């Protein structure tokens, strides 16, 4: 094999490795972004619920200042919050498993320029 063919083969192998690495990075990027969006949705929903109903469990009070009813509501809220977060984490893992079943490719930011001839709108 002459030097040209050898270099051509090296370039082809390098391109193949770069393509595999890019696809892996694209998949990891998608997985990261979807995970972040699901977490943001979960935490945002919990925060909204706390804003509307936090007074029921004395959200701005110290534990020793809570009434018996507020303490019961706080316990219920902590249990509901834990269940919501657990369910969200199950869905994140399910989404990650689903993504792993696909070949992914990020289309990147792309701009198409339209070339117009003189006088064309």
C-alpha atoms as a PDB file:
ATOM      1  CA  UNK A   1       0.000   0.000   0.000  1.00  0.00           C
ATOM      2  CA  UNK A   2       1.492   3.294  -1.003  1.00  0.00           C
ATOM      3  CA  UNK A   3       1.612   6.324   1.273  1.00  0.00           C
ATOM      4  CA  UNK A   4      -1.367   8.057  -0.357  1.00  0.00           C
ATOM      5  CA  UNK A   5      -3.675   5.076   0.164  1.00  0.00           C
ATOM      6  CA  UNK A   6      -2.458   4.700   3.735  1.00  0.00           C
ATOM      7  CA  UNK A   7      -3.165   8.387   4.488  1.00  0.00           C
ATOM      8  CA  UNK A   8      -6.548   8.123   2.780  1.00  0.00           C
ATOM      9  CA  UNK A   9      -7.426   5.167   5.000  1.00  0.00           C
ATOM     10  CA  UNK A  10      -6.302   7.062   8.121  1.00  0.00           C
ATOM     11  CA  UNK A  11      -8.467  10.034   7.175  1.00  0.00           C
ATOM     12  CA  UNK A  12     -11.476   7.775   6.579  1.00  0.00           C
ATOM     13  CA  UNK A  13     -10.990   6.085   9.978  1.00  0.00           C
ATOM     14  CA  UNK A  14     -10.637   9.461  11.696  1.00  0.00           C
ATOM     15  CA  UNK A  15     -13.817  10.714  10.034  1.00  0.00           C
ATOM     16  CA  UNK A  16     -15.680   7.619  11.176  1.00  0.00           C
ATOM     17  CA  UNK A  17     -14.462   8.049  14.772  1.00  0.00           C
ATOM     18  CA  UNK A  18     -15.352  11.748  14.736  1.00  0.00           C
ATOM     19  CA  UNK A  19     -18.847  10.924  13.446  1.00  0.00           C
ATOM     20  CA  UNK A  20     -19.357   8.346  16.217  1.00  0.00           C
ATOM     21  CA  UNK A  21     -18.147  10.827  18.836  1.00  0.00           C
ATOM     22  CA  UNK A  22     -20.439  13.552  17.459  1.00  0.00           C
ATOM     23  CA  UNK A  23     -23.462  11.238  17.529  1.00  0.00           C
ATOM     24  CA  UNK A  24     -22.713  10.284  21.127  1.00  0.00           C
ATOM     25  CA  UNK A  25     -22.377  13.953  22.070  1.00  0.00           C
ATOM     26  CA  UNK A  26     -25.652  14.737  20.286  1.00  0.00           C
ATOM     27  CA  UNK A  27     -27.435  11.985  22.215  1.00  0.00           C
ATOM     28  CA  UNK A  28     -25.959  13.159  25.529  1.00  0.00           C
ATOM     29  CA  UNK A  29     -26.972  16.740  24.735  1.00  0.00           C
ATOM     30  CA  UNK A  30     -30.565  15.674  24.023  1.00  0.00           C
ATOM     31  CA  UNK A  31     -30.693  13.562  27.175  1.00  0.00           C
ATOM     32  CA  UNK A  32     -29.327  16.426  29.296  1.00  0.00           C
ATOM     33  CA  UNK A  33     -31.788  18.959  27.853  1.00  0.00           C
ATOM     34  CA  UNK A  34     -34.814  16.698  28.284  1.00  0.00           C
ATOM     35  CA  UNK A  35     -33.782  15.827  31.846  1.00  0.00           C
ATOM     36  CA  UNK A  36     -33.377  19.516  32.656  1.00  0.00           C
ATOM     37  CA  UNK A  37     -36.803  20.350  31.225  1.00  0.00           C
ATOM     38  CA  UNK A  38     -38.558  17.582  33.185  1.00  0.00           C
ATOM     39  CA  UNK A  39     -36.833  18.656  36.416  1.00  0.00           C
ATOM     40  CA  UNK A  40     -37.739  22.295  35.786  1.00  0.00           C
ATOM     41  CA  UNK A  41     -41.365  21.288  35.258  1.00  0.00           C
ATOM     42  CA  UNK A  42     -41.440  19.258  38.492  1.00  0.00           C
ATOM     43  CA  UNK A  43     -39.793  21.910  40.633  1.00  0.00           C
ATOM     44  CA  UNK A  44     -41.861  24.703  39.073  1.00  0.00           C
ATOM     45  CA  UNK A  45     -45.082  22.817  39.800  1.00  0.00           C
ATOM     46  CA  UNK A  46     -44.036  22.224  43.411  1.00  0.00           C
ATOM     47  CA  UNK A  47     -43.118  25.886  43.838  1.00  0.00           C
ATOM     48  CA  UNK A  48     -46.489  26.998  42.448  1.00  0.00           C
ATOM     49  CA  UNK A  49     -48.285  24.654  44.808  1.00  0.00           C
ATOM     50  CA  UNK A  50     -46.264  26.026  47.740  1.00  0.00           C
ATOM     51  CA  UNK A  51     -47.101  29.600  46.711  1.00  0.00           C
ATOM     52  CA  UNK A  52     -50.842  28.898  46.660  1.00  0.00           C
ATOM     53  CA  UNK A  53     -51.185  26.478  49.567  1.00  0.00           C
ATOM     54  CA  UNK A  54     -48.058  26.921  51.704  1.00  0.00           C
ATOM     55  CA  UNK A  55     -50.020  28.819  54.338  1.00  0.00           C
ATOM     56  CA  UNK A  56     -51.804  25.570  55.192  1.00  0.00           C
ATOM     57  CA  UNK A  57     -48.604  24.146  56.659  1.00  0.00           C
ATOM     58  CA  UNK A  58     -47.090  27.409  57.886  1.00  0.00           C
ATOM     59  CA  UNK A  59     -44.490  27.656  55.163  1.00  0.00           C
ATOM     60  CA  UNK A  60     -42.884  30.774  56.669  1.00  0.00           C
ATOM     61  CA  UNK A  61     -42.947  29.543  60.276  1.00  0.00           C
ATOM     62  CA  UNK A  62     -40.426  27.589  62.313  1.00  0.00           C
ATOM     63  CA  UNK A  63     -41.383  24.013  63.165  1.00  0.00           C
ATOM     64  CA  UNK A  64     -41.895  24.837  66.852  1.00  0.00           C
ATOM     65  CA  UNK A  65     -44.419  27.561  65.878  1.00  0.00           C
ATOM     66  CA  UNK A  66     -46.713  25.236  63.890  1.00  0.00           C
ATOM     67  CA  UNK A  67     -50.156  24.298  65.131  1.00  0.00           C
ATOM     68  CA  UNK A  68     -51.237  20.678  65.176  1.00  0.00           C
ATOM     69  CA  UNK A  69     -53.260  21.147  61.975  1.00  0.00           C
ATOM     70  CA  UNK A  70     -50.323  22.863  60.238  1.00  0.00           C
ATOM     71  CA  UNK A  71     -47.997  20.050  61.317  1.00  0.00           C
ATOM     72  CA  UNK A  72     -50.373  17.460  59.830  1.00  0.00           C
ATOM     73  CA  UNK A  73     -50.580  19.449  56.581  1.00  0.00           C
ATOM     74  CA  UNK A  74     -46.768  19.720  56.507  1.00  0.00           C
ATOM     75  CA  UNK A  75     -46.414  15.956  56.897  1.00  0.00           C
ATOM     76  CA  UNK A  76     -48.954  15.394  54.110  1.00  0.00           C
ATOM     77  CA  UNK A  77     -47.206  17.953  51.906  1.00  0.00           C
ATOM     78  CA  UNK A  78     -43.786  16.350  52.445  1.00  0.00           C
ATOM     79  CA  UNK A  79     -45.224  12.938  51.521  1.00  0.00           C
ATOM     80  CA  UNK A  80     -46.937  14.337  48.397  1.00  0.00           C
ATOM     81  CA  UNK A  81     -43.791  16.243  47.417  1.00  0.00           C
ATOM     82  CA  UNK A  82     -41.664  13.106  47.781  1.00  0.00           C
ATOM     83  CA  UNK A  83     -44.106  11.117  45.646  1.00  0.00           C
ATOM     84  CA  UNK A  84     -44.177  13.817  42.935  1.00  0.00           C
ATOM     85  CA  UNK A  85     -40.369  13.932  42.789  1.00  0.00           C
ATOM     86  CA  UNK A  86     -40.107  10.140  42.714  1.00  0.00           C
ATOM     87  CA  UNK A  87     -42.626   9.929  39.866  1.00  0.00           C
ATOM     88  CA  UNK A  88     -40.765  12.647  37.975  1.00  0.00           C
ATOM     89  CA  UNK A  89     -37.472  10.816  38.399  1.00  0.00           C
ATOM     90  CA  UNK A  90     -39.076   7.610  37.105  1.00  0.00           C
ATOM     91  CA  UNK A  91     -40.198   9.543  34.025  1.00  0.00           C
ATOM     92  CA  UNK A  92     -36.697  10.980  33.547  1.00  0.00           C
ATOM     93  CA  UNK A  93     -35.237   7.460  33.580  1.00  0.00           C
ATOM     94  CA  UNK A  94     -37.945   6.295  31.162  1.00  0.00           C
ATOM     95  CA  UNK A  95     -37.121   9.181  28.806  1.00  0.00           C
ATOM     96  CA  UNK A  96     -33.414   8.372  29.012  1.00  0.00           C
ATOM     97  CA  UNK A  97     -34.125   4.716  28.232  1.00  0.00           C
ATOM     98  CA  UNK A  98     -36.271   5.762  25.291  1.00  0.00           C
ATOM     99  CA  UNK A  99     -33.555   8.062  23.932  1.00  0.00           C
ATOM    100  CA  UNK A 100     -31.007   5.253  24.160  1.00  0.00           C
ATOM    101  CA  UNK A 101     -33.087   3.283  21.632  1.00  0.00           C
ATOM    102  CA  UNK A 102     -32.563   5.887  18.906  1.00  0.00           C
ATOM    103  CA  UNK A 103     -29.752   7.216  16.796  1.00  0.00           C
ATOM    104  CA  UNK A 104     -29.848  10.933  17.334  1.00  0.00           C
ATOM    105  CA  UNK A 105     -28.423  13.785  15.381  1.00  0.00           C
ATOM    106  CA  UNK A 106     -28.598  17.418  16.386  1.00  0.00           C
ATOM    107  CA  UNK A 107     -29.444  19.592  13.398  1.00  0.00           C
ATOM    108  CA  UNK A 108     -27.512  22.429  14.978  1.00  0.00           C
ATOM    109  CA  UNK A 109     -28.294  26.015  14.390  1.00  0.00           C
ATOM    110  CA  UNK A 110     -28.778  26.463  10.708  1.00  0.00           C
ATOM    111  CA  UNK A 111     -29.487  29.562   8.653  1.00  0.00           C
ATOM    112  CA  UNK A 112     -30.690  29.326   5.084  1.00  0.00           C
ATOM    113  CA  UNK A 113     -30.010  32.420   3.025  1.00  0.00           C
ATOM    114  CA  UNK A 114     -32.299  33.113   0.122  1.00  0.00           C
ATOM    115  CA  UNK A 115     -30.464  34.510  -2.851  1.00  0.00           C
ATOM    116  CA  UNK A 116     -32.563  36.982  -4.798  1.00  0.00           C
ATOM    117  CA  UNK A 117     -31.815  38.389  -8.169  1.00  0.00           C
ATOM    118  CA  UNK A 118     -31.975  42.104  -8.848  1.00  0.00           C
ATOM    119  CA  UNK A 119     -35.518  43.400  -8.676  1.00  0.00           C
ATOM    120  CA  UNK A 120     -36.916  40.224  -7.089  1.00  0.00           C
ATOM    121  CA  UNK A 121     -38.876  40.463  -3.861  1.00  0.00           C
END
